[in-house]
């Protein structure tokens, strides 16, 4: 009986020690958990408010970065031409959209590399070194982009359209000093026009193959056999024989030189 009481006392003592150790460990953890909070209050200095506005503007620019890529670079023409090519081949989802977009993005970086290098050397690096102000950096960064877009606009009609809608005198406006609000939509119209012209030229040889296959099947009386099933291998074979990807890529890149 005494041995049982001693065992009970030892068990109770052990439980008390374990509970006390657990409470002390929870009160003072070995690895404190950091507390993260966001406070909104009145700014003590104007510089604090200016820094907050800059952060908001930066987040806004990052959110519209895809639109900037589409509107102000060669991406629009490239992706439209590649889409026309896929439709002309009749391969449905081959290559997939992810592949076409990735290929178009890397071609865009290759074509725009001189412009990006100029922006980095004349605007970004001097701004990071504190040699120019933010407004000067924006102006110096906009000049190469404007020059690139103006060089690609083949028809003055596109520029005059937005110059007139902006109620500006075409005789007094200098082409190199046009605001981006006029140059960007004119550039977009030009890119759509050129991309559709290239797409028309891409469709012609594949359309001829479809017509030959369709007429052959009709003359043989095979009305129930879809012509696309017969013409698709021939179109792929033709595209491979002429090294189509090389020609398409070369024509796209040289169109921006």
C-alpha atoms as a PDB file:
ATOM      1  CA  UNK A   1       0.000   0.000   0.000  1.00  0.00           C
ATOM      2  CA  UNK A   2       2.842   2.349   0.867  1.00  0.00           C
ATOM      3  CA  UNK A   3       4.515   1.536  -2.437  1.00  0.00           C
ATOM      4  CA  UNK A   4       1.288   2.470  -4.279  1.00  0.00           C
ATOM      5  CA  UNK A   5       1.086   5.803  -2.430  1.00  0.00           C
ATOM      6  CA  UNK A   6       4.678   6.535  -3.240  1.00  0.00           C
ATOM      7  CA  UNK A   7       4.055   5.775  -6.919  1.00  0.00           C
ATOM      8  CA  UNK A   8       1.004   8.066  -6.899  1.00  0.00           C
ATOM      9  CA  UNK A   9       2.984  10.896  -5.295  1.00  0.00           C
ATOM     10  CA  UNK A  10       5.786  10.501  -7.865  1.00  0.00           C
ATOM     11  CA  UNK A  11       3.259  10.596 -10.728  1.00  0.00           C
ATOM     12  CA  UNK A  12       1.564  13.729  -9.383  1.00  0.00           C
ATOM     13  CA  UNK A  13       4.914  15.427  -8.880  1.00  0.00           C
ATOM     14  CA  UNK A  14       5.935  14.585 -12.456  1.00  0.00           C
ATOM     15  CA  UNK A  15       2.676  16.011 -13.853  1.00  0.00           C
ATOM     16  CA  UNK A  16       3.136  19.224 -11.844  1.00  0.00           C
ATOM     17  CA  UNK A  17       6.702  19.662 -13.179  1.00  0.00           C
ATOM     18  CA  UNK A  18       5.614  19.036 -16.785  1.00  0.00           C
ATOM     19  CA  UNK A  19       2.689  21.482 -16.554  1.00  0.00           C
ATOM     20  CA  UNK A  20       4.842  24.192 -14.985  1.00  0.00           C
ATOM     21  CA  UNK A  21       7.488  23.732 -17.699  1.00  0.00           C
ATOM     22  CA  UNK A  22       4.826  23.928 -20.444  1.00  0.00           C
ATOM     23  CA  UNK A  23       3.342  27.138 -19.010  1.00  0.00           C
ATOM     24  CA  UNK A  24       6.731  28.794 -18.709  1.00  0.00           C
ATOM     25  CA  UNK A  25       7.694  27.736 -22.242  1.00  0.00           C
ATOM     26  CA  UNK A  26       4.456  29.146 -23.680  1.00  0.00           C
ATOM     27  CA  UNK A  27       4.930  32.408 -21.816  1.00  0.00           C
ATOM     28  CA  UNK A  28       8.517  32.878 -23.063  1.00  0.00           C
ATOM     29  CA  UNK A  29       9.022  31.076 -26.378  1.00  0.00           C
ATOM     30  CA  UNK A  30      12.580  30.284 -27.414  1.00  0.00           C
ATOM     31  CA  UNK A  31      11.926  31.656 -30.930  1.00  0.00           C
ATOM     32  CA  UNK A  32       9.708  34.752 -30.805  1.00  0.00           C
ATOM     33  CA  UNK A  33       7.143  35.033 -33.597  1.00  0.00           C
ATOM     34  CA  UNK A  34       7.402  38.348 -35.475  1.00  0.00           C
ATOM     35  CA  UNK A  35       4.373  40.603 -35.618  1.00  0.00           C
ATOM     36  CA  UNK A  36       3.528  42.182 -38.964  1.00  0.00           C
ATOM     37  CA  UNK A  37       1.241  45.169 -39.159  1.00  0.00           C
ATOM     38  CA  UNK A  38       0.313  48.006 -41.503  1.00  0.00           C
ATOM     39  CA  UNK A  39      -0.462  51.325 -39.919  1.00  0.00           C
ATOM     40  CA  UNK A  40      -2.141  54.270 -41.647  1.00  0.00           C
ATOM     41  CA  UNK A  41      -1.726  57.651 -40.042  1.00  0.00           C
ATOM     42  CA  UNK A  42      -0.961  61.272 -40.779  1.00  0.00           C
ATOM     43  CA  UNK A  43       2.459  61.960 -42.287  1.00  0.00           C
ATOM     44  CA  UNK A  44       4.809  64.021 -40.166  1.00  0.00           C
ATOM     45  CA  UNK A  45       6.806  65.302 -43.163  1.00  0.00           C
ATOM     46  CA  UNK A  46       5.993  65.895 -46.848  1.00  0.00           C
ATOM     47  CA  UNK A  47       8.689  63.388 -47.848  1.00  0.00           C
ATOM     48  CA  UNK A  48       6.730  60.568 -46.195  1.00  0.00           C
ATOM     49  CA  UNK A  49       3.636  61.308 -48.266  1.00  0.00           C
ATOM     50  CA  UNK A  50       5.741  61.589 -51.435  1.00  0.00           C
ATOM     51  CA  UNK A  51       7.296  58.172 -50.794  1.00  0.00           C
ATOM     52  CA  UNK A  52       3.842  56.649 -50.320  1.00  0.00           C
ATOM     53  CA  UNK A  53       2.614  58.158 -53.584  1.00  0.00           C
ATOM     54  CA  UNK A  54       5.680  56.812 -55.398  1.00  0.00           C
ATOM     55  CA  UNK A  55       4.974  53.309 -54.098  1.00  0.00           C
ATOM     56  CA  UNK A  56       1.349  53.535 -55.269  1.00  0.00           C
ATOM     57  CA  UNK A  57       2.461  54.752 -58.709  1.00  0.00           C
ATOM     58  CA  UNK A  58       5.014  51.942 -58.942  1.00  0.00           C
ATOM     59  CA  UNK A  59       2.374  49.315 -58.145  1.00  0.00           C
ATOM     60  CA  UNK A  60       0.080  50.904 -60.749  1.00  0.00           C
ATOM     61  CA  UNK A  61       2.792  50.751 -63.411  1.00  0.00           C
ATOM     62  CA  UNK A  62       3.497  47.108 -62.590  1.00  0.00           C
ATOM     63  CA  UNK A  63      -0.198  46.273 -62.937  1.00  0.00           C
ATOM     64  CA  UNK A  64      -0.393  47.805 -66.437  1.00  0.00           C
ATOM     65  CA  UNK A  65       3.014  46.494 -67.540  1.00  0.00           C
ATOM     66  CA  UNK A  66       1.435  43.860 -69.870  1.00  0.00           C
ATOM     67  CA  UNK A  67      -0.584  46.582 -71.587  1.00  0.00           C
ATOM     68  CA  UNK A  68       2.565  48.692 -72.006  1.00  0.00           C
ATOM     69  CA  UNK A  69       4.343  45.692 -73.509  1.00  0.00           C
ATOM     70  CA  UNK A  70       1.517  45.133 -75.981  1.00  0.00           C
ATOM     71  CA  UNK A  71       0.968  48.779 -76.963  1.00  0.00           C
ATOM     72  CA  UNK A  72       4.487  50.155 -77.241  1.00  0.00           C
ATOM     73  CA  UNK A  73       6.596  47.266 -78.548  1.00  0.00           C
ATOM     74  CA  UNK A  74       6.678  44.800 -81.432  1.00  0.00           C
ATOM     75  CA  UNK A  75       4.684  42.214 -79.476  1.00  0.00           C
ATOM     76  CA  UNK A  76       1.351  42.968 -81.175  1.00  0.00           C
ATOM     77  CA  UNK A  77       2.573  42.351 -84.708  1.00  0.00           C
ATOM     78  CA  UNK A  78       4.457  39.191 -83.727  1.00  0.00           C
ATOM     79  CA  UNK A  79       1.613  37.478 -81.873  1.00  0.00           C
ATOM     80  CA  UNK A  80      -0.928  38.293 -84.602  1.00  0.00           C
ATOM     81  CA  UNK A  81       1.351  36.918 -87.331  1.00  0.00           C
ATOM     82  CA  UNK A  82       1.947  33.729 -85.346  1.00  0.00           C
ATOM     83  CA  UNK A  83      -1.791  33.330 -84.789  1.00  0.00           C
ATOM     84  CA  UNK A  84      -2.433  33.750 -88.527  1.00  0.00           C
ATOM     85  CA  UNK A  85       0.227  31.127 -89.222  1.00  0.00           C
ATOM     86  CA  UNK A  86      -1.390  28.608 -86.893  1.00  0.00           C
ATOM     87  CA  UNK A  87      -4.815  29.210 -88.421  1.00  0.00           C
ATOM     88  CA  UNK A  88      -3.411  28.900 -91.953  1.00  0.00           C
ATOM     89  CA  UNK A  89      -1.809  25.571 -91.092  1.00  0.00           C
ATOM     90  CA  UNK A  90      -5.056  24.381 -89.530  1.00  0.00           C
ATOM     91  CA  UNK A  91      -3.277  22.715 -86.610  1.00  0.00           C
ATOM     92  CA  UNK A  92      -5.903  23.907 -84.104  1.00  0.00           C
ATOM     93  CA  UNK A  93      -3.977  24.369 -80.820  1.00  0.00           C
ATOM     94  CA  UNK A  94      -0.509  23.438 -82.084  1.00  0.00           C
ATOM     95  CA  UNK A  95       1.691  25.189 -81.105  1.00  0.00           C
ATOM     96  CA  UNK A  96      -0.139  25.972 -77.835  1.00  0.00           C
ATOM     97  CA  UNK A  97      -0.909  29.543 -76.800  1.00  0.00           C
ATOM     98  CA  UNK A  98       1.770  29.451 -74.100  1.00  0.00           C
ATOM     99  CA  UNK A  99       4.430  28.577 -76.665  1.00  0.00           C
ATOM    100  CA  UNK A 100       3.338  31.294 -79.091  1.00  0.00           C
ATOM    101  CA  UNK A 101       3.215  33.944 -76.369  1.00  0.00           C
ATOM    102  CA  UNK A 102       6.607  32.911 -75.000  1.00  0.00           C
ATOM    103  CA  UNK A 103       8.148  32.952 -78.479  1.00  0.00           C
ATOM    104  CA  UNK A 104       6.593  36.347 -79.181  1.00  0.00           C
ATOM    105  CA  UNK A 105       7.930  37.755 -75.905  1.00  0.00           C
ATOM    106  CA  UNK A 106      11.511  36.625 -76.546  1.00  0.00           C
ATOM    107  CA  UNK A 107      11.376  37.976 -80.101  1.00  0.00           C
ATOM    108  CA  UNK A 108      10.087  41.231 -78.628  1.00  0.00           C
ATOM    109  CA  UNK A 109      13.034  41.415 -76.227  1.00  0.00           C
ATOM    110  CA  UNK A 110      15.424  40.735 -79.110  1.00  0.00           C
ATOM    111  CA  UNK A 111      13.910  43.418 -81.328  1.00  0.00           C
ATOM    112  CA  UNK A 112      13.586  45.972 -78.534  1.00  0.00           C
ATOM    113  CA  UNK A 113      17.048  45.367 -77.042  1.00  0.00           C
ATOM    114  CA  UNK A 114      18.648  48.486 -78.649  1.00  0.00           C
ATOM    115  CA  UNK A 115      15.806  50.644 -77.346  1.00  0.00           C
ATOM    116  CA  UNK A 116      15.991  49.102 -73.873  1.00  0.00           C
ATOM    117  CA  UNK A 117      19.761  49.561 -73.805  1.00  0.00           C
ATOM    118  CA  UNK A 118      19.392  53.221 -74.719  1.00  0.00           C
ATOM    119  CA  UNK A 119      16.774  53.737 -72.011  1.00  0.00           C
ATOM    120  CA  UNK A 120      19.015  52.053 -69.450  1.00  0.00           C
ATOM    121  CA  UNK A 121      22.084  54.133 -70.379  1.00  0.00           C
ATOM    122  CA  UNK A 122      20.376  57.511 -70.775  1.00  0.00           C
ATOM    123  CA  UNK A 123      17.532  57.390 -68.253  1.00  0.00           C
ATOM    124  CA  UNK A 124      17.627  54.592 -65.698  1.00  0.00           C
ATOM    125  CA  UNK A 125      21.292  54.550 -64.726  1.00  0.00           C
ATOM    126  CA  UNK A 126      21.632  58.377 -64.416  1.00  0.00           C
ATOM    127  CA  UNK A 127      18.438  58.442 -62.341  1.00  0.00           C
ATOM    128  CA  UNK A 128      19.704  55.714 -60.011  1.00  0.00           C
ATOM    129  CA  UNK A 129      22.962  57.640 -59.566  1.00  0.00           C
ATOM    130  CA  UNK A 130      21.062  60.829 -58.754  1.00  0.00           C
ATOM    131  CA  UNK A 131      22.360  62.703 -61.788  1.00  0.00           C
ATOM    132  CA  UNK A 132      18.897  63.541 -63.168  1.00  0.00           C
ATOM    133  CA  UNK A 133      15.463  64.021 -61.668  1.00  0.00           C
ATOM    134  CA  UNK A 134      12.489  61.719 -62.041  1.00  0.00           C
ATOM    135  CA  UNK A 135      10.858  63.991 -64.641  1.00  0.00           C
ATOM    136  CA  UNK A 136      14.052  64.117 -66.701  1.00  0.00           C
ATOM    137  CA  UNK A 137      14.383  60.336 -66.512  1.00  0.00           C
ATOM    138  CA  UNK A 138      10.824  59.903 -67.790  1.00  0.00           C
ATOM    139  CA  UNK A 139      11.474  62.287 -70.681  1.00  0.00           C
ATOM    140  CA  UNK A 140      14.723  60.577 -71.644  1.00  0.00           C
ATOM    141  CA  UNK A 141      13.049  57.158 -71.435  1.00  0.00           C
ATOM    142  CA  UNK A 142      10.103  58.257 -73.577  1.00  0.00           C
ATOM    143  CA  UNK A 143      12.270  59.609 -76.413  1.00  0.00           C
ATOM    144  CA  UNK A 144      13.677  56.230 -77.603  1.00  0.00           C
ATOM    145  CA  UNK A 145      10.229  54.623 -77.397  1.00  0.00           C
ATOM    146  CA  UNK A 146       8.695  57.480 -79.366  1.00  0.00           C
ATOM    147  CA  UNK A 147      11.435  57.273 -81.989  1.00  0.00           C
ATOM    148  CA  UNK A 148      10.928  53.518 -82.356  1.00  0.00           C
ATOM    149  CA  UNK A 149       7.180  53.847 -82.819  1.00  0.00           C
ATOM    150  CA  UNK A 150       7.483  56.739 -85.269  1.00  0.00           C
ATOM    151  CA  UNK A 151       9.969  54.784 -87.372  1.00  0.00           C
ATOM    152  CA  UNK A 152       7.495  51.908 -87.647  1.00  0.00           C
ATOM    153  CA  UNK A 153       4.524  54.049 -88.695  1.00  0.00           C
ATOM    154  CA  UNK A 154       4.594  53.706 -92.464  1.00  0.00           C
ATOM    155  CA  UNK A 155       1.586  55.847 -93.265  1.00  0.00           C
ATOM    156  CA  UNK A 156       1.287  59.461 -92.175  1.00  0.00           C
ATOM    157  CA  UNK A 157      -2.459  58.987 -92.404  1.00  0.00           C
ATOM    158  CA  UNK A 158      -2.498  57.163 -89.066  1.00  0.00           C
ATOM    159  CA  UNK A 159      -0.721  60.022 -87.309  1.00  0.00           C
ATOM    160  CA  UNK A 160      -2.874  62.686 -88.948  1.00  0.00           C
ATOM    161  CA  UNK A 161      -6.001  60.857 -87.806  1.00  0.00           C
ATOM    162  CA  UNK A 162      -5.197  61.284 -84.113  1.00  0.00           C
ATOM    163  CA  UNK A 163      -3.610  64.714 -84.600  1.00  0.00           C
ATOM    164  CA  UNK A 164      -6.869  65.972 -86.085  1.00  0.00           C
ATOM    165  CA  UNK A 165      -8.999  64.266 -83.430  1.00  0.00           C
ATOM    166  CA  UNK A 166      -6.818  65.970 -80.792  1.00  0.00           C
ATOM    167  CA  UNK A 167      -7.675  69.292 -82.492  1.00  0.00           C
ATOM    168  CA  UNK A 168      -4.045  70.061 -83.261  1.00  0.00           C
ATOM    169  CA  UNK A 169      -2.810  71.886 -86.332  1.00  0.00           C
ATOM    170  CA  UNK A 170      -0.930  69.371 -88.528  1.00  0.00           C
ATOM    171  CA  UNK A 171       1.131  72.178 -90.070  1.00  0.00           C
ATOM    172  CA  UNK A 172       2.492  73.348 -86.716  1.00  0.00           C
ATOM    173  CA  UNK A 173       3.099  69.968 -85.080  1.00  0.00           C
ATOM    174  CA  UNK A 174       6.604  68.519 -85.148  1.00  0.00           C
ATOM    175  CA  UNK A 175       6.631  64.775 -85.600  1.00  0.00           C
ATOM    176  CA  UNK A 176       9.434  64.200 -83.074  1.00  0.00           C
ATOM    177  CA  UNK A 177       7.618  66.174 -80.370  1.00  0.00           C
ATOM    178  CA  UNK A 178       4.219  64.510 -80.611  1.00  0.00           C
ATOM    179  CA  UNK A 179       2.860  63.319 -77.249  1.00  0.00           C
ATOM    180  CA  UNK A 180       2.682  59.601 -76.540  1.00  0.00           C
ATOM    181  CA  UNK A 181      -1.111  59.817 -76.349  1.00  0.00           C
ATOM    182  CA  UNK A 182      -1.090  60.368 -80.119  1.00  0.00           C
ATOM    183  CA  UNK A 183       1.884  58.219 -81.112  1.00  0.00           C
ATOM    184  CA  UNK A 184       0.771  55.057 -79.270  1.00  0.00           C
ATOM    185  CA  UNK A 185      -2.686  54.614 -80.894  1.00  0.00           C
ATOM    186  CA  UNK A 186      -1.244  55.503 -84.315  1.00  0.00           C
ATOM    187  CA  UNK A 187       1.441  52.881 -83.769  1.00  0.00           C
ATOM    188  CA  UNK A 188      -1.191  50.324 -82.765  1.00  0.00           C
ATOM    189  CA  UNK A 189      -3.200  50.912 -85.952  1.00  0.00           C
ATOM    190  CA  UNK A 190      -0.050  50.543 -88.019  1.00  0.00           C
ATOM    191  CA  UNK A 191       0.908  47.299 -86.284  1.00  0.00           C
ATOM    192  CA  UNK A 192      -2.544  45.805 -86.843  1.00  0.00           C
ATOM    193  CA  UNK A 193      -2.438  46.795 -90.508  1.00  0.00           C
ATOM    194  CA  UNK A 194       1.019  45.330 -91.116  1.00  0.00           C
ATOM    195  CA  UNK A 195       0.200  42.137 -89.201  1.00  0.00           C
ATOM    196  CA  UNK A 196      -2.924  41.541 -91.295  1.00  0.00           C
ATOM    197  CA  UNK A 197      -0.954  42.137 -94.516  1.00  0.00           C
ATOM    198  CA  UNK A 198       1.607  39.517 -93.475  1.00  0.00           C
ATOM    199  CA  UNK A 199      -1.203  37.173 -92.459  1.00  0.00           C
ATOM    200  CA  UNK A 200      -2.769  37.507 -95.927  1.00  0.00           C
ATOM    201  CA  UNK A 201       0.523  36.518 -97.577  1.00  0.00           C
ATOM    202  CA  UNK A 202       0.880  33.549 -95.224  1.00  0.00           C
ATOM    203  CA  UNK A 203      -2.597  32.243 -96.062  1.00  0.00           C
ATOM    204  CA  UNK A 204      -2.110  32.168 -99.857  1.00  0.00           C
ATOM    205  CA  UNK A 205       0.106  29.038-100.272  1.00  0.00           C
ATOM    206  CA  UNK A 206      -1.871  27.033 -97.709  1.00  0.00           C
ATOM    207  CA  UNK A 207      -5.142  28.089 -99.315  1.00  0.00           C
ATOM    208  CA  UNK A 208      -3.898  26.773-102.653  1.00  0.00           C
ATOM    209  CA  UNK A 209      -3.177  23.398-101.065  1.00  0.00           C
ATOM    210  CA  UNK A 210      -6.689  23.298 -99.567  1.00  0.00           C
ATOM    211  CA  UNK A 211      -8.252  24.107-102.957  1.00  0.00           C
ATOM    212  CA  UNK A 212      -6.224  21.425-104.758  1.00  0.00           C
ATOM    213  CA  UNK A 213      -7.078  18.783-102.163  1.00  0.00           C
ATOM    214  CA  UNK A 214     -10.774  19.717-102.131  1.00  0.00           C
ATOM    215  CA  UNK A 215     -11.088  19.628-105.916  1.00  0.00           C
ATOM    216  CA  UNK A 216      -9.250  16.281-106.028  1.00  0.00           C
ATOM    217  CA  UNK A 217     -11.543  14.724-103.426  1.00  0.00           C
ATOM    218  CA  UNK A 218     -14.645  16.004-105.231  1.00  0.00           C
ATOM    219  CA  UNK A 219     -13.440  14.602-108.556  1.00  0.00           C
ATOM    220  CA  UNK A 220     -12.893  11.223-106.877  1.00  0.00           C
ATOM    221  CA  UNK A 221     -16.352  11.311-105.308  1.00  0.00           C
ATOM    222  CA  UNK A 222     -15.114  11.310-101.737  1.00  0.00           C
ATOM    223  CA  UNK A 223     -17.662  13.754-100.390  1.00  0.00           C
ATOM    224  CA  UNK A 224     -17.699  12.400 -96.851  1.00  0.00           C
ATOM    225  CA  UNK A 225     -13.938  12.664 -96.303  1.00  0.00           C
ATOM    226  CA  UNK A 226     -12.996  16.032 -94.687  1.00  0.00           C
ATOM    227  CA  UNK A 227     -10.440  17.822 -96.905  1.00  0.00           C
ATOM    228  CA  UNK A 228      -8.616  19.163 -93.828  1.00  0.00           C
ATOM    229  CA  UNK A 229      -7.537  15.637 -92.895  1.00  0.00           C
ATOM    230  CA  UNK A 230      -5.774  15.229 -96.260  1.00  0.00           C
ATOM    231  CA  UNK A 231      -4.430  18.765 -96.692  1.00  0.00           C
ATOM    232  CA  UNK A 232      -3.001  19.123 -93.175  1.00  0.00           C
ATOM    233  CA  UNK A 233      -0.044  16.727 -93.692  1.00  0.00           C
ATOM    234  CA  UNK A 234       0.782  18.397 -97.014  1.00  0.00           C
ATOM    235  CA  UNK A 235       0.708  21.869 -95.453  1.00  0.00           C
ATOM    236  CA  UNK A 236       2.957  20.749 -92.617  1.00  0.00           C
ATOM    237  CA  UNK A 237       5.308  19.100 -95.125  1.00  0.00           C
ATOM    238  CA  UNK A 238       5.438  22.287 -97.213  1.00  0.00           C
ATOM    239  CA  UNK A 239       6.118  24.395 -94.128  1.00  0.00           C
ATOM    240  CA  UNK A 240       8.963  22.091 -93.087  1.00  0.00           C
ATOM    241  CA  UNK A 241      10.519  21.942 -96.571  1.00  0.00           C
ATOM    242  CA  UNK A 242      10.735  25.721 -96.916  1.00  0.00           C
ATOM    243  CA  UNK A 243      12.022  26.058 -93.327  1.00  0.00           C
ATOM    244  CA  UNK A 244       8.967  28.083 -92.390  1.00  0.00           C
ATOM    245  CA  UNK A 245       9.913  29.048 -88.845  1.00  0.00           C
ATOM    246  CA  UNK A 246      13.188  30.486 -90.073  1.00  0.00           C
ATOM    247  CA  UNK A 247      11.463  32.494 -92.817  1.00  0.00           C
ATOM    248  CA  UNK A 248       8.700  33.765 -90.554  1.00  0.00           C
ATOM    249  CA  UNK A 249      11.135  34.804 -87.826  1.00  0.00           C
ATOM    250  CA  UNK A 250      13.471  36.480 -90.301  1.00  0.00           C
ATOM    251  CA  UNK A 251      10.660  38.404 -91.996  1.00  0.00           C
ATOM    252  CA  UNK A 252       9.272  39.587 -88.643  1.00  0.00           C
ATOM    253  CA  UNK A 253      12.624  40.749 -87.295  1.00  0.00           C
ATOM    254  CA  UNK A 254      13.733  42.406 -90.544  1.00  0.00           C
ATOM    255  CA  UNK A 255      10.413  44.234 -90.704  1.00  0.00           C
ATOM    256  CA  UNK A 256      11.494  46.272 -87.657  1.00  0.00           C
ATOM    257  CA  UNK A 257      14.962  47.170 -88.972  1.00  0.00           C
END
